[in-house]
Protein backbone atom coordinates (compact mmCIF):
# COMPACT_ATOMS: atom_id res chain seq x y z
CA MET A 1 27.31 67.07 -24.21
CA SER A 2 26.34 63.98 -26.33
CA HIS A 3 28.01 60.70 -25.83
CA ALA A 4 29.69 61.09 -29.54
CA ASN A 5 30.98 64.35 -28.42
CA GLY A 6 32.54 63.05 -25.41
CA GLU A 7 34.37 60.21 -27.13
CA GLN A 8 35.74 62.74 -29.72
CA ILE A 9 37.41 64.59 -26.75
CA CYS A 10 38.74 61.16 -25.30
CA ARG A 11 40.10 60.24 -28.54
CA ILE A 12 42.13 63.63 -28.58
CA VAL A 13 43.49 63.32 -25.00
CA TRP A 14 44.03 59.34 -24.88
CA GLY A 15 45.11 58.12 -28.43
CA GLU A 16 45.42 54.32 -28.75
CA HIS A 17 43.17 53.92 -25.46
CA THR A 18 40.37 55.73 -27.02
CA ILE A 19 37.55 52.96 -26.30
CA GLN A 20 38.45 52.02 -22.38
CA MET A 21 39.02 55.68 -21.45
CA ALA A 22 35.88 56.91 -23.51
CA ASP A 23 33.72 54.30 -21.55
CA ALA A 24 35.63 55.43 -18.31
CA PHE A 25 34.95 59.20 -19.05
CA GLN A 26 31.16 58.65 -19.88
CA LYS A 27 30.72 56.57 -16.67
CA VAL A 28 32.14 59.55 -14.66
CA PHE A 29 30.49 62.30 -16.80
CA GLY A 30 26.88 60.70 -16.51
CA GLU A 31 27.50 60.76 -12.79
CA LEU A 32 28.36 64.08 -12.89
CA LYS A 33 24.93 64.78 -14.77
CA ARG A 34 23.07 62.87 -12.25
CA HIS A 35 24.20 64.48 -8.79
CA SER A 36 25.57 67.91 -10.44
CA VAL A 37 28.73 67.84 -8.73
CA LEU A 38 31.65 65.32 -8.42
CA LEU A 39 34.34 65.38 -6.00
CA GLN A 40 37.77 64.19 -7.32
CA THR A 41 38.40 62.47 -4.40
CA ASP A 42 36.16 61.49 -1.14
CA ALA A 43 35.59 58.94 1.18
CA ARG A 44 31.95 58.41 0.84
CA LEU A 45 30.52 61.20 -1.52
CA PRO A 46 30.52 60.44 -5.27
CA ASN A 47 34.25 61.02 -6.69
CA VAL A 48 36.21 60.62 -9.79
CA CYS A 49 38.72 58.14 -7.94
CA ALA A 50 36.01 55.93 -6.69
CA LEU A 51 34.04 55.43 -10.24
CA VAL A 52 37.23 55.13 -12.20
CA VAL A 53 38.88 52.20 -9.77
CA GLY A 54 35.11 50.76 -9.05
CA ALA A 55 36.05 51.15 -5.11
CA PRO A 56 37.35 54.00 -2.38
CA VAL A 57 40.61 55.15 -3.03
CA PRO A 58 42.34 55.52 0.64
CA GLY A 59 45.42 57.93 0.89
CA SER A 60 46.62 59.76 -2.21
CA TRP A 61 45.39 58.55 -5.46
CA TRP A 62 48.66 59.29 -7.14
CA ALA A 63 49.93 56.17 -5.33
CA HIS A 64 47.17 53.63 -6.78
CA PRO A 65 48.03 51.54 -9.59
CA LYS A 66 45.44 53.07 -11.75
CA SER A 67 46.64 56.52 -11.15
CA HIS A 68 47.28 57.04 -14.82
CA ALA A 69 43.99 56.56 -15.52
CA ILE A 70 42.39 58.87 -12.68
CA PHE A 71 44.75 61.55 -14.17
CA LYS A 72 43.31 61.47 -17.73
CA VAL A 73 39.66 61.45 -16.18
CA ASN A 74 40.19 64.39 -14.34
CA SER A 75 41.99 65.98 -17.05
CA ALA A 76 39.44 65.65 -19.50
CA LEU A 77 36.71 66.77 -17.00
CA ALA A 78 38.60 69.76 -16.53
CA ASP A 79 39.20 70.57 -19.82
CA HIS A 80 35.17 69.97 -20.62
CA PRO A 81 33.14 72.72 -21.88
CA ASP A 82 30.48 72.01 -19.47
CA VAL A 83 32.51 71.36 -16.44
CA LEU A 84 33.92 74.14 -13.71
CA VAL A 85 36.45 72.83 -11.33
CA VAL A 86 36.49 74.63 -8.30
CA LYS A 87 37.38 73.92 -4.36
CA LEU A 88 33.73 73.79 -3.57
CA ILE A 89 33.05 70.78 -1.16
CA SER A 90 35.31 70.26 1.91
CA GLY A 91 37.89 72.44 0.42
CA LYS A 92 38.49 70.00 -2.36
CA LEU A 93 38.36 69.93 -5.86
CA THR A 94 34.80 69.89 -6.99
CA TYR A 95 33.89 69.37 -10.32
CA VAL A 96 30.67 71.42 -11.07
CA GLU A 97 28.05 71.10 -13.97
CA ARG A 98 26.97 74.25 -15.99
CA ALA A 99 23.64 74.59 -14.79
CA LEU A 100 25.28 75.53 -11.32
CA TRP A 101 27.83 77.89 -12.49
CA PRO A 102 25.65 81.00 -11.97
CA TYR A 103 25.27 80.04 -8.11
CA VAL A 104 28.71 79.51 -7.69
CA ALA A 105 29.28 82.97 -8.90
CA ALA A 106 26.45 84.53 -7.23
CA ILE A 107 28.38 83.36 -3.67
CA GLY A 108 31.75 83.97 -5.12
CA GLY A 109 31.19 87.63 -6.29
CA ALA A 110 29.29 88.87 -3.23
CA ARG A 111 32.09 89.35 -1.17
CA GLU A 112 30.36 88.81 1.85
CA ALA A 113 32.09 88.77 5.40
CA TRP A 114 32.71 85.03 5.54
CA GLN A 115 34.80 85.66 2.81
CA VAL A 116 36.63 88.83 3.51
CA LYS A 117 37.00 89.21 7.31
CA ASN A 118 40.25 87.18 7.66
CA LEU A 119 42.32 87.98 4.15
CA SER A 120 45.82 88.94 4.41
CA GLN A 121 46.62 92.22 3.12
CA GLY A 122 48.43 90.47 0.14
CA ALA A 123 45.24 88.64 -0.53
CA ARG A 124 43.22 91.87 -0.50
CA GLU A 125 45.50 93.80 -2.82
CA LEU A 126 45.52 90.88 -5.20
CA LEU A 127 41.78 90.95 -5.31
CA LYS A 128 41.79 94.64 -6.03
CA ASN A 129 44.34 93.89 -8.74
CA LEU A 130 41.89 91.29 -9.89
CA ASP A 131 39.15 93.80 -10.24
CA ARG A 132 41.14 95.64 -13.13
CA ALA A 133 42.25 92.61 -14.88
CA PRO A 134 42.95 88.72 -14.92
CA VAL A 135 46.16 87.87 -13.05
CA GLU A 136 48.45 85.28 -13.54
CA THR A 137 50.31 84.04 -10.33
CA ASP A 138 54.04 83.45 -9.38
CA ARG A 139 55.52 81.74 -6.40
CA GLN A 140 55.42 85.13 -4.69
CA LEU A 141 51.25 85.76 -5.49
CA ALA A 142 50.48 81.75 -4.51
CA LYS A 143 49.67 82.19 -0.88
CA ALA A 144 47.26 85.03 -1.53
CA ALA A 145 45.74 83.06 -4.17
CA SER A 146 45.11 80.47 -2.23
CA GLU A 147 43.07 82.66 0.30
CA LEU A 148 41.11 83.80 -2.72
CA GLU A 149 40.33 80.33 -3.79
CA LYS A 150 39.20 78.95 -0.38
CA THR A 151 36.47 81.22 -0.12
CA LEU A 152 35.30 81.43 -3.63
CA LEU A 153 36.23 84.91 -4.24
CA VAL A 154 37.82 84.27 -7.60
CA TYR A 155 37.90 81.61 -10.48
CA SER A 156 41.19 79.90 -10.94
CA GLU A 157 42.67 77.60 -13.23
CA GLN A 158 46.33 76.12 -13.31
CA PHE A 159 48.57 76.10 -16.16
CA HIS A 160 51.97 75.26 -17.05
CA THR A 161 54.47 78.24 -17.78
CA SER A 162 56.98 78.15 -20.54
CA ALA A 163 59.36 77.44 -18.09
CA GLY A 164 57.53 74.06 -17.04
CA SER A 165 56.38 75.58 -13.64
CA HIS A 166 52.82 75.11 -12.24
CA ALA A 167 51.22 78.66 -12.06
CA ARG A 168 46.96 80.12 -11.83
CA ARG A 169 45.44 82.25 -13.76
CA LEU A 170 42.79 84.18 -11.83
CA ASP A 171 39.49 86.04 -13.07
CA THR A 172 36.65 87.41 -11.55
CA TRP A 173 33.50 85.41 -11.77
CA ASP A 174 31.73 87.82 -13.93
CA ARG A 175 34.37 87.97 -16.52
CA TRP A 176 34.72 84.16 -16.53
CA LEU A 177 31.06 83.58 -17.06
CA ARG A 178 30.83 86.35 -19.98
CA ARG A 179 34.11 84.47 -21.39
CA LYS A 180 32.32 81.00 -21.15
CA GLY A 181 29.34 82.51 -22.80
CA ALA A 182 27.18 80.90 -19.86
CA THR A 183 23.71 81.60 -18.74
CA THR A 184 23.86 84.38 -16.00
CA LEU A 185 20.61 84.70 -13.40
CA LYS A 186 19.71 87.25 -11.04
CA LEU A 187 20.38 85.67 -7.90
CA ARG A 188 20.92 86.74 -4.27
CA PRO A 189 23.68 85.26 -2.53
CA ASP A 190 21.53 83.45 -0.14
CA GLN A 191 19.49 82.05 -2.54
CA ALA A 192 22.61 80.42 -4.20
CA ARG A 193 23.87 79.12 -0.97
CA ASP A 194 20.49 77.61 0.08
CA THR A 195 20.61 75.82 -3.37
CA LEU A 196 23.98 74.29 -2.93
CA GLU A 197 23.32 73.69 1.10
CA GLN A 198 20.33 71.48 -0.07
CA LEU A 199 22.20 69.44 -2.66
CA VAL A 200 25.05 68.77 -0.52
CA ALA A 201 22.77 67.85 2.22
CA SER A 202 21.26 65.49 0.00
CA LEU A 203 24.34 64.04 -1.26
CA ASN A 204 25.54 63.67 2.64
CA GLN A 205 21.92 61.94 3.55
CA GLU A 206 22.33 59.68 0.51
CA PHE A 207 25.95 58.59 0.60
CA ASN A 208 26.38 59.06 4.52
CA GLY A 209 29.04 61.69 3.47
CA ASN A 210 30.40 64.70 5.47
CA GLY A 211 30.51 67.18 3.05
CA ARG A 212 31.10 70.85 4.00
CA LEU A 213 30.71 74.10 2.10
CA PRO A 214 32.97 76.75 2.65
CA TRP A 215 30.47 79.26 4.41
CA ARG A 216 29.66 76.45 7.13
CA PRO A 217 33.25 75.03 8.04
């Protein structure tokens, strides 16, 4: 994504604060491209909150004076066509660049023992339904959906219903990749895990972090 196109996204989202917020977005997006992943918030690993504020943000970023700016950058990243949002590192929202999407999908679609052995009956039923068609969750399905998200079994995105409440759209990784027109690679799950493990280990070493992946709690 070029700088010009990035600014175009910012103009749509931020209006009169275009210049300042476009600069903030480009700074954050540049770090995402450099590291391949970027957490929404973390004490040490590269993250959106610290990049926008200029320092680590302790506690909830919603209470920070710059929470409005953080929210807008998070929203722009989530809307970016080359960014995936998934709970990947340490159970936290993680932004993942397009090149790594096939690796996340290979892991998520494998349905290995670490992913399915502790699922509740409700989560298992939801996963079966999801194989047939995408699912929009409601309060009744919220807990089961969270179980599937935790072990990367589904692609998930949040949206607001017509009634103004929060809900999630769930889909299989294969369908999501096809819908996004993303490159698919013939990856074994172990190959994909090794790649992400090396990436997180490198970030932990560089930033003295403690990032963990779902299959290595």
